[in-house]
C-alpha atoms as a PDB file:
ATOM      1  CA  MET A   1     112.815  93.967 101.433  1.00  0.00           C
ATOM      2  CA  ARG A   2     109.610  92.480  99.860  1.00  0.00           C
ATOM      3  CA  VAL A   3     108.752  88.817 101.623  1.00  0.00           C
ATOM      4  CA  LEU A   4     106.081  86.258 100.319  1.00  0.00           C
ATOM      5  CA  ILE A   5     104.770  84.348 103.233  1.00  0.00           C
ATOM      6  CA  VAL A   6     103.076  80.789 101.771  1.00  0.00           C
ATOM      7  CA  GLU A   7     101.094  79.725 104.986  1.00  0.00           C
ATOM      8  CA  ASP A   8      97.543  78.379 105.037  1.00  0.00           C
ATOM      9  CA  ASP A   9      96.759  78.807 108.626  1.00  0.00           C
ATOM     10  CA  PRO A  10      94.783  82.638 108.968  1.00  0.00           C
ATOM     11  CA  MET A  11      95.931  83.184 112.527  1.00  0.00           C
ATOM     12  CA  ILE A  12      99.588  82.620 111.792  1.00  0.00           C
ATOM     13  CA  GLY A  13      99.378  84.214 108.311  1.00  0.00           C
ATOM     14  CA  LYS A  14      97.915  87.483 109.626  1.00  0.00           C
ATOM     15  CA  ALA A  15     100.448  87.606 112.624  1.00  0.00           C
ATOM     16  CA  LEU A  16     103.456  87.041 110.546  1.00  0.00           C
ATOM     17  CA  ARG A  17     102.130  89.680 108.261  1.00  0.00           C
ATOM     18  CA  THR A  18     101.772  92.205 110.561  1.00  0.00           C
ATOM     19  CA  ALA A  19     104.794  91.653 112.363  1.00  0.00           C
ATOM     20  CA  LEU A  20     106.810  91.685 109.267  1.00  0.00           C
ATOM     21  CA  ARG A  21     105.332  95.180 108.061  1.00  0.00           C
ATOM     22  CA  ASP A  22     106.128  96.574 111.394  1.00  0.00           C
ATOM     23  CA  GLU A  23     109.700  96.194 110.841  1.00  0.00           C
ATOM     24  CA  ALA A  24     109.201  98.064 107.633  1.00  0.00           C
ATOM     25  CA  MET A  25     109.085  94.669 104.959  1.00  0.00           C
ATOM     26  CA  THR A  26     106.625  94.884 102.271  1.00  0.00           C
ATOM     27  CA  VAL A  27     104.488  91.434 102.583  1.00  0.00           C
ATOM     28  CA  ASP A  28     102.595  89.578 100.275  1.00  0.00           C
ATOM     29  CA  TRP A  29     100.694  86.608 101.850  1.00  0.00           C
ATOM     30  CA  VAL A  30      99.163  83.701 100.380  1.00  0.00           C
ATOM     31  CA  ARG A  31      97.762  79.998 101.264  1.00  0.00           C
ATOM     32  CA  ASP A  32      98.779  77.451  98.771  1.00  0.00           C
ATOM     33  CA  ALA A  33     101.211  76.612  96.320  1.00  0.00           C
ATOM     34  CA  ASN A  34      99.482  77.804  93.395  1.00  0.00           C
ATOM     35  CA  ASP A  35      98.964  80.756  94.427  1.00  0.00           C
ATOM     36  CA  ALA A  36     102.737  81.045  95.536  1.00  0.00           C
ATOM     37  CA  GLU A  37     103.887  79.978  91.973  1.00  0.00           C
ATOM     38  CA  HIS A  38     101.584  83.069  90.794  1.00  0.00           C
ATOM     39  CA  ALA A  39     102.779  85.274  93.154  1.00  0.00           C
ATOM     40  CA  LEU A  40     106.413  84.800  92.310  1.00  0.00           C
ATOM     41  CA  VAL A  41     106.029  85.216  88.155  1.00  0.00           C
ATOM     42  CA  THR A  42     104.405  88.148  89.099  1.00  0.00           C
ATOM     43  CA  HIS A  43     106.488  90.189  91.568  1.00  0.00           C
ATOM     44  CA  SER A  44     109.953  89.709  92.877  1.00  0.00           C
ATOM     45  CA  TYR A  45     111.191  88.943  96.300  1.00  0.00           C
ATOM     46  CA  ALA A  46     114.042  88.718  98.413  1.00  0.00           C
ATOM     47  CA  LEU A  47     112.695  85.696 100.422  1.00  0.00           C
ATOM     48  CA  ILE A  48     110.019  82.978 100.926  1.00  0.00           C
ATOM     49  CA  LEU A  49     108.263  82.380 104.412  1.00  0.00           C
ATOM     50  CA  LEU A  50     107.508  78.523 103.600  1.00  0.00           C
ATOM     51  CA  ASP A  51     105.046  75.894 105.695  1.00  0.00           C
ATOM     52  CA  ILE A  52     104.868  72.735 104.442  1.00  0.00           C
ATOM     53  CA  GLY A  53     101.613  71.564 105.549  1.00  0.00           C
ATOM     54  CA  LEU A  54      99.742  73.396 102.713  1.00  0.00           C
ATOM     55  CA  PRO A  55      96.390  72.024 100.957  1.00  0.00           C
ATOM     56  CA  GLY A  56      96.926  70.436  97.902  1.00  0.00           C
ATOM     57  CA  ARG A  57     100.504  70.507  97.282  1.00  0.00           C
ATOM     58  CA  SER A  58     102.922  70.520  99.799  1.00  0.00           C
ATOM     59  CA  GLY A  59     105.309  73.039 100.604  1.00  0.00           C
ATOM     60  CA  LEU A  60     108.396  70.619 100.276  1.00  0.00           C
ATOM     61  CA  ASP A  61     106.633  70.040  96.271  1.00  0.00           C
ATOM     62  CA  LEU A  62     106.772  73.727  95.729  1.00  0.00           C
ATOM     63  CA  LEU A  63     110.118  74.055  96.954  1.00  0.00           C
ATOM     64  CA  ARG A  64     111.207  71.055  94.910  1.00  0.00           C
ATOM     65  CA  SER A  65     109.369  72.513  91.767  1.00  0.00           C
ATOM     66  CA  LEU A  66     110.952  75.991  92.297  1.00  0.00           C
ATOM     67  CA  ARG A  67     114.932  74.282  92.526  1.00  0.00           C
ATOM     68  CA  ASP A  68     113.874  72.358  89.195  1.00  0.00           C
ATOM     69  CA  GLN A  69     113.295  75.716  87.511  1.00  0.00           C
ATOM     70  CA  GLY A  70     116.325  76.961  88.731  1.00  0.00           C
ATOM     71  CA  GLU A  71     114.624  79.640  90.900  1.00  0.00           C
ATOM     72  CA  GLU A  72     117.170  80.424  94.044  1.00  0.00           C
ATOM     73  CA  ILE A  73     115.058  82.695  96.047  1.00  0.00           C
ATOM     74  CA  SER A  74     116.117  82.573  99.554  1.00  0.00           C
ATOM     75  CA  THR A  75     113.340  79.997 101.758  1.00  0.00           C
ATOM     76  CA  LEU A  76     113.135  79.677 105.186  1.00  0.00           C
ATOM     77  CA  ILE A  77     110.657  76.831 105.809  1.00  0.00           C
ATOM     78  CA  ILE A  78     108.324  77.840 108.922  1.00  0.00           C
ATOM     79  CA  SER A  79     106.649  74.326 109.869  1.00  0.00           C
ATOM     80  CA  ALA A  80     105.208  72.476 112.958  1.00  0.00           C
ATOM     81  CA  SER A  81     106.501  69.335 111.854  1.00  0.00           C
ATOM     82  CA  ASP A  82     109.693  68.702 113.656  1.00  0.00           C
ATOM     83  CA  ASP A  83     110.104  65.440 112.385  1.00  0.00           C
ATOM     84  CA  LEU A  84     114.191  64.376 111.111  1.00  0.00           C
ATOM     85  CA  ASP A  85     112.981  63.126 107.716  1.00  0.00           C
ATOM     86  CA  ASN A  86     111.005  66.505 106.953  1.00  0.00           C
ATOM     87  CA  ARG A  87     113.922  68.921 108.158  1.00  0.00           C
ATOM     88  CA  VAL A  88     116.375  66.851 105.963  1.00  0.00           C
ATOM     89  CA  ASP A  89     114.064  66.790 102.957  1.00  0.00           C
ATOM     90  CA  GLY A  90     113.524  70.696 103.277  1.00  0.00           C
ATOM     91  CA  LEU A  91     117.297  71.511 103.514  1.00  0.00           C
ATOM     92  CA  ASP A  92     118.387  68.921 100.976  1.00  0.00           C
ATOM     93  CA  LEU A  93     115.688  70.477  98.454  1.00  0.00           C
ATOM     94  CA  GLY A  94     117.437  73.716  98.787  1.00  0.00           C
ATOM     95  CA  ALA A  95     115.743  75.597 102.056  1.00  0.00           C
ATOM     96  CA  ASP A  96     118.078  77.842 103.688  1.00  0.00           C
ATOM     97  CA  ASP A  97     116.858  77.442 107.171  1.00  0.00           C
ATOM     98  CA  TYR A  98     113.913  75.554 108.801  1.00  0.00           C
ATOM     99  CA  LEU A  99     112.407  76.834 111.867  1.00  0.00           C
ATOM    100  CA  VAL A 100     109.740  74.816 114.012  1.00  0.00           C
ATOM    101  CA  LYS A 101     106.592  76.512 115.120  1.00  0.00           C
ATOM    102  CA  PRO A 102     105.399  77.803 117.676  1.00  0.00           C
ATOM    103  CA  PHE A 103     108.643  80.522 117.409  1.00  0.00           C
ATOM    104  CA  GLU A 104     109.142  83.841 118.841  1.00  0.00           C
ATOM    105  CA  MET A 105     109.385  86.405 116.252  1.00  0.00           C
ATOM    106  CA  ARG A 106     112.937  87.624 117.417  1.00  0.00           C
ATOM    107  CA  GLU A 107     113.979  84.353 116.133  1.00  0.00           C
ATOM    108  CA  LEU A 108     112.459  84.596 112.936  1.00  0.00           C
ATOM    109  CA  LEU A 109     113.918  87.767 112.212  1.00  0.00           C
ATOM    110  CA  ALA A 110     117.366  86.793 113.209  1.00  0.00           C
ATOM    111  CA  ARG A 111     116.939  83.457 110.806  1.00  0.00           C
ATOM    112  CA  MET A 112     115.668  86.034 108.132  1.00  0.00           C
ATOM    113  CA  ARG A 113     118.799  88.317 108.722  1.00  0.00           C
ATOM    114  CA  ALA A 114     121.286  85.324 108.652  1.00  0.00           C
ATOM    115  CA  VAL A 115     119.874  83.765 105.561  1.00  0.00           C
ATOM    116  CA  MET A 116     120.015  87.089 103.619  1.00  0.00           C
ATOM    117  CA  ARG A 117     123.557  87.601 105.178  1.00  0.00           C
ATOM    118  CA  ARG A 118     124.882  84.364 103.570  1.00  0.00           C
ATOM    119  CA  ARG A 119     123.099  84.866 100.307  1.00  0.00           C
ATOM    120  CA  HIS A 120     125.278  88.370 100.340  1.00  0.00           C
ATOM    121  CA  GLY A 121     128.661  86.092 101.032  1.00  0.00           C
ATOM    122  CA  GLY A 122     128.251  86.325 105.036  1.00  0.00           C
ATOM    123  CA  ARG A 123     128.545  90.063 105.174  1.00  0.00           C
ATOM    124  CA  ALA A 124     126.407  91.315 107.932  1.00  0.00           C
ATOM    125  CA  VAL A 125     125.100  94.821 106.759  1.00  0.00           C
ATOM    126  CA  SER A 126     123.858  96.745 109.560  1.00  0.00           C
ATOM    127  CA  GLY A 127     123.754 100.130 107.649  1.00  0.00           C
ATOM    128  CA  LEU A 128     123.465 101.908 104.280  1.00  0.00           C
ATOM    129  CA  THR A 129     125.936 104.811 103.904  1.00  0.00           C
ATOM    130  CA  ASN A 130     125.995 106.884 100.487  1.00  0.00           C
ATOM    131  CA  GLY A 131     127.686 110.245 100.686  1.00  0.00           C
ATOM    132  CA  GLU A 132     126.062 112.126 103.782  1.00  0.00           C
ATOM    133  CA  ILE A 133     123.364 110.042 103.971  1.00  0.00           C
ATOM    134  CA  THR A 134     123.416 107.219 106.666  1.00  0.00           C
ATOM    135  CA  LEU A 135     120.845 104.741 107.244  1.00  0.00           C
ATOM    136  CA  ASP A 136     120.645 102.299 110.164  1.00  0.00           C
ATOM    137  CA  LEU A 137     118.806  99.329 108.941  1.00  0.00           C
ATOM    138  CA  ASN A 138     118.358  98.208 112.527  1.00  0.00           C
ATOM    139  CA  SER A 139     116.736 101.305 114.547  1.00  0.00           C
ATOM    140  CA  HIS A 140     116.072 102.732 111.466  1.00  0.00           C
ATOM    141  CA  GLN A 141     117.546 105.969 112.053  1.00  0.00           C
ATOM    142  CA  MET A 142     118.885 108.383 109.318  1.00  0.00           C
ATOM    143  CA  THR A 143     121.388 111.030 109.247  1.00  0.00           C
ATOM    144  CA  PHE A 144     121.883 113.583 106.385  1.00  0.00           C
ATOM    145  CA  ARG A 145     124.356 116.866 106.953  1.00  0.00           C
ATOM    146  CA  GLY A 146     124.172 116.573 110.663  1.00  0.00           C
ATOM    147  CA  THR A 147     120.155 115.892 110.928  1.00  0.00           C
ATOM    148  CA  THR A 148     118.923 112.687 112.528  1.00  0.00           C
ATOM    149  CA  HIS A 149     115.768 111.137 112.640  1.00  0.00           C
ATOM    150  CA  ILE A 150     114.291 107.841 113.338  1.00  0.00           C
ATOM    151  CA  LEU A 151     111.940 107.135 110.381  1.00  0.00           C
ATOM    152  CA  PRO A 152     108.537 105.939 110.390  1.00  0.00           C
ATOM    153  CA  ALA A 153     108.013 102.135 108.645  1.00  0.00           C
ATOM    154  CA  LYS A 154     107.273 103.324 104.948  1.00  0.00           C
ATOM    155  CA  GLU A 155     109.574 106.429 104.909  1.00  0.00           C
ATOM    156  CA  PHE A 156     112.401 103.780 106.059  1.00  0.00           C
ATOM    157  CA  ALA A 157     111.317 101.294 103.446  1.00  0.00           C
ATOM    158  CA  LEU A 158     111.376 104.068 100.548  1.00  0.00           C
ATOM    159  CA  MET A 159     114.928 105.401 101.814  1.00  0.00           C
ATOM    160  CA  ARG A 160     116.226 101.972 101.863  1.00  0.00           C
ATOM    161  CA  THR A 161     115.219 101.132  98.466  1.00  0.00           C
ATOM    162  CA  LEU A 162     116.698 104.407  97.250  1.00  0.00           C
ATOM    163  CA  MET A 163     119.901 103.814  99.055  1.00  0.00           C
ATOM    164  CA  GLU A 164     120.280 100.018  97.923  1.00  0.00           C
ATOM    165  CA  ARG A 165     120.745 101.563  94.230  1.00  0.00           C
ATOM    166  CA  PRO A 166     121.948 104.899  94.517  1.00  0.00           C
ATOM    167  CA  GLY A 167     121.861 106.782  90.791  1.00  0.00           C
ATOM    168  CA  ALA A 168     118.908 104.746  89.831  1.00  0.00           C
ATOM    169  CA  ILE A 169     116.189 106.489  88.953  1.00  0.00           C
ATOM    170  CA  PHE A 170     112.684 104.791  90.647  1.00  0.00           C
ATOM    171  CA  SER A 171     109.302 105.408  88.936  1.00  0.00           C
ATOM    172  CA  ARG A 172     106.493 105.778  91.001  1.00  0.00           C
ATOM    173  CA  ALA A 173     105.035 102.328  89.687  1.00  0.00           C
ATOM    174  CA  GLN A 174     108.414 100.704  90.894  1.00  0.00           C
ATOM    175  CA  LEU A 175     108.554 102.417  94.174  1.00  0.00           C
ATOM    176  CA  GLU A 176     104.726 101.349  94.811  1.00  0.00           C
ATOM    177  CA  GLU A 177     105.756  97.866  94.231  1.00  0.00           C
ATOM    178  CA  GLN A 178     108.508  97.812  96.426  1.00  0.00           C
ATOM    179  CA  LEU A 179     106.489  99.369  99.603  1.00  0.00           C
ATOM    180  CA  TYR A 180     103.138  97.982  99.192  1.00  0.00           C
ATOM    181  CA  GLY A 181     101.978  94.623  99.640  1.00  0.00           C
ATOM    182  CA  TRP A 182      98.735  92.995  98.442  1.00  0.00           C
ATOM    183  CA  GLY A 183      95.810  94.446 100.329  1.00  0.00           C
ATOM    184  CA  GLU A 184      97.476  97.935 101.226  1.00  0.00           C
ATOM    185  CA  GLU A 185      95.437 100.569 100.037  1.00  0.00           C
ATOM    186  CA  VAL A 186      97.608 103.073  97.847  1.00  0.00           C
ATOM    187  CA  GLU A 187      96.378 106.746  97.241  1.00  0.00           C
ATOM    188  CA  SER A 188      97.319 107.901  94.150  1.00  0.00           C
ATOM    189  CA  ASN A 189      99.785 110.661  95.610  1.00  0.00           C
ATOM    190  CA  ALA A 190     101.313 108.208  98.655  1.00  0.00           C
ATOM    191  CA  ILE A 191     104.950 108.107  97.094  1.00  0.00           C
ATOM    192  CA  ASP A 192     104.975 111.868  96.863  1.00  0.00           C
ATOM    193  CA  VAL A 193     103.510 112.298 100.312  1.00  0.00           C
ATOM    194  CA  LEU A 194     106.172 109.909 101.728  1.00  0.00           C
ATOM    195  CA  ILE A 195     109.003 112.010 100.010  1.00  0.00           C
ATOM    196  CA  HIS A 196     107.485 115.420 101.101  1.00  0.00           C
ATOM    197  CA  TYR A 197     107.665 114.042 104.882  1.00  0.00           C
ATOM    198  CA  ILE A 198     111.379 113.231 104.319  1.00  0.00           C
ATOM    199  CA  ARG A 199     112.134 116.242 102.729  1.00  0.00           C
ATOM    200  CA  ARG A 200     110.836 118.435 105.561  1.00  0.00           C
ATOM    201  CA  LYS A 201     112.884 116.611 107.935  1.00  0.00           C
ATOM    202  CA  PHE A 202     116.092 116.485 105.963  1.00  0.00           C
ATOM    203  CA  GLY A 203     115.889 119.012 103.108  1.00  0.00           C
ATOM    204  CA  LYS A 204     114.732 118.897  99.631  1.00  0.00           C
ATOM    205  CA  ASP A 205     118.525 117.922  98.246  1.00  0.00           C
ATOM    206  CA  ILE A 206     118.184 114.477 100.060  1.00  0.00           C
ATOM    207  CA  ILE A 207     115.864 113.067  97.306  1.00  0.00           C
ATOM    208  CA  LEU A 208     116.123 114.022  93.468  1.00  0.00           C
ATOM    209  CA  ASN A 209     113.007 114.297  91.224  1.00  0.00           C
ATOM    210  CA  MET A 210     113.800 113.442  87.467  1.00  0.00           C
ATOM    211  CA  ARG A 211     110.663 115.267  86.224  1.00  0.00           C
ATOM    212  CA  GLY A 212     108.479 112.877  84.221  1.00  0.00           C
ATOM    213  CA  VAL A 213     110.446 109.813  85.340  1.00  0.00           C
ATOM    214  CA  GLY A 214     111.172 109.308  88.845  1.00  0.00           C
ATOM    215  CA  TRP A 215     113.090 109.612  91.966  1.00  0.00           C
ATOM    216  CA  MET A 216     116.706 109.083  93.017  1.00  0.00           C
ATOM    217  CA  ILE A 217     119.375 109.479  95.385  1.00  0.00           C
ATOM    218  CA  ASP A 218     122.365 111.164  93.821  1.00  0.00           C
ATOM    219  CA  LYS A 219     125.303 108.231  93.682  1.00  0.00           C
ATOM    220  CA  ALA A 220     127.668 111.174  94.966  1.00  0.00           C
ATOM    221  CA  ALA A 221     125.523 112.613  97.434  1.00  0.00           C
ATOM    222  CA  ARG A 222     127.294 115.626  99.174  1.00  0.00           C
END
């Protein structure tokens, strides 16, 4: 899952980026509304963490502009302001939730999960299953043909990307887009290395290579 943080405080921005990457999310971080709009044009995000007190245009102005353009991306406001008017304005403008700083990371993650559940009809999705492959989204544990391992963050992110669209072929560029945020160094063979590690754990049949095109999970994996 790719997340955009819009936060001008460097300490908070860095802490959030690190914590979310540790949860196997792909994270980009910008510090003002203009950079946020540019990021949203060039990349696809599942969720925005949006501060209100941004330099120049406020977070509420950004949210209003996005909603006026028909952009329905899930948005969770994170703000030091617990002013009732700000909370009401943010929610009325289309924010999915409003969390007051300071907060515990566990609560933020829980609220992010709740926002994503509401966006998917209220269904709590704790795992993905396709044929003999089962991926637990909470523990990062994967099982295939009786073999079970807990995956490191990047291997988990790769498998989640493939498992969410079984049968779809992902190019190297598409996988890099899903797995790596700005500022993360990406070696030219990074995807190959991740796939090698996963196949070494589970066998070569778990991820199929479509030569010259990309990689996929068989929609009817057996």
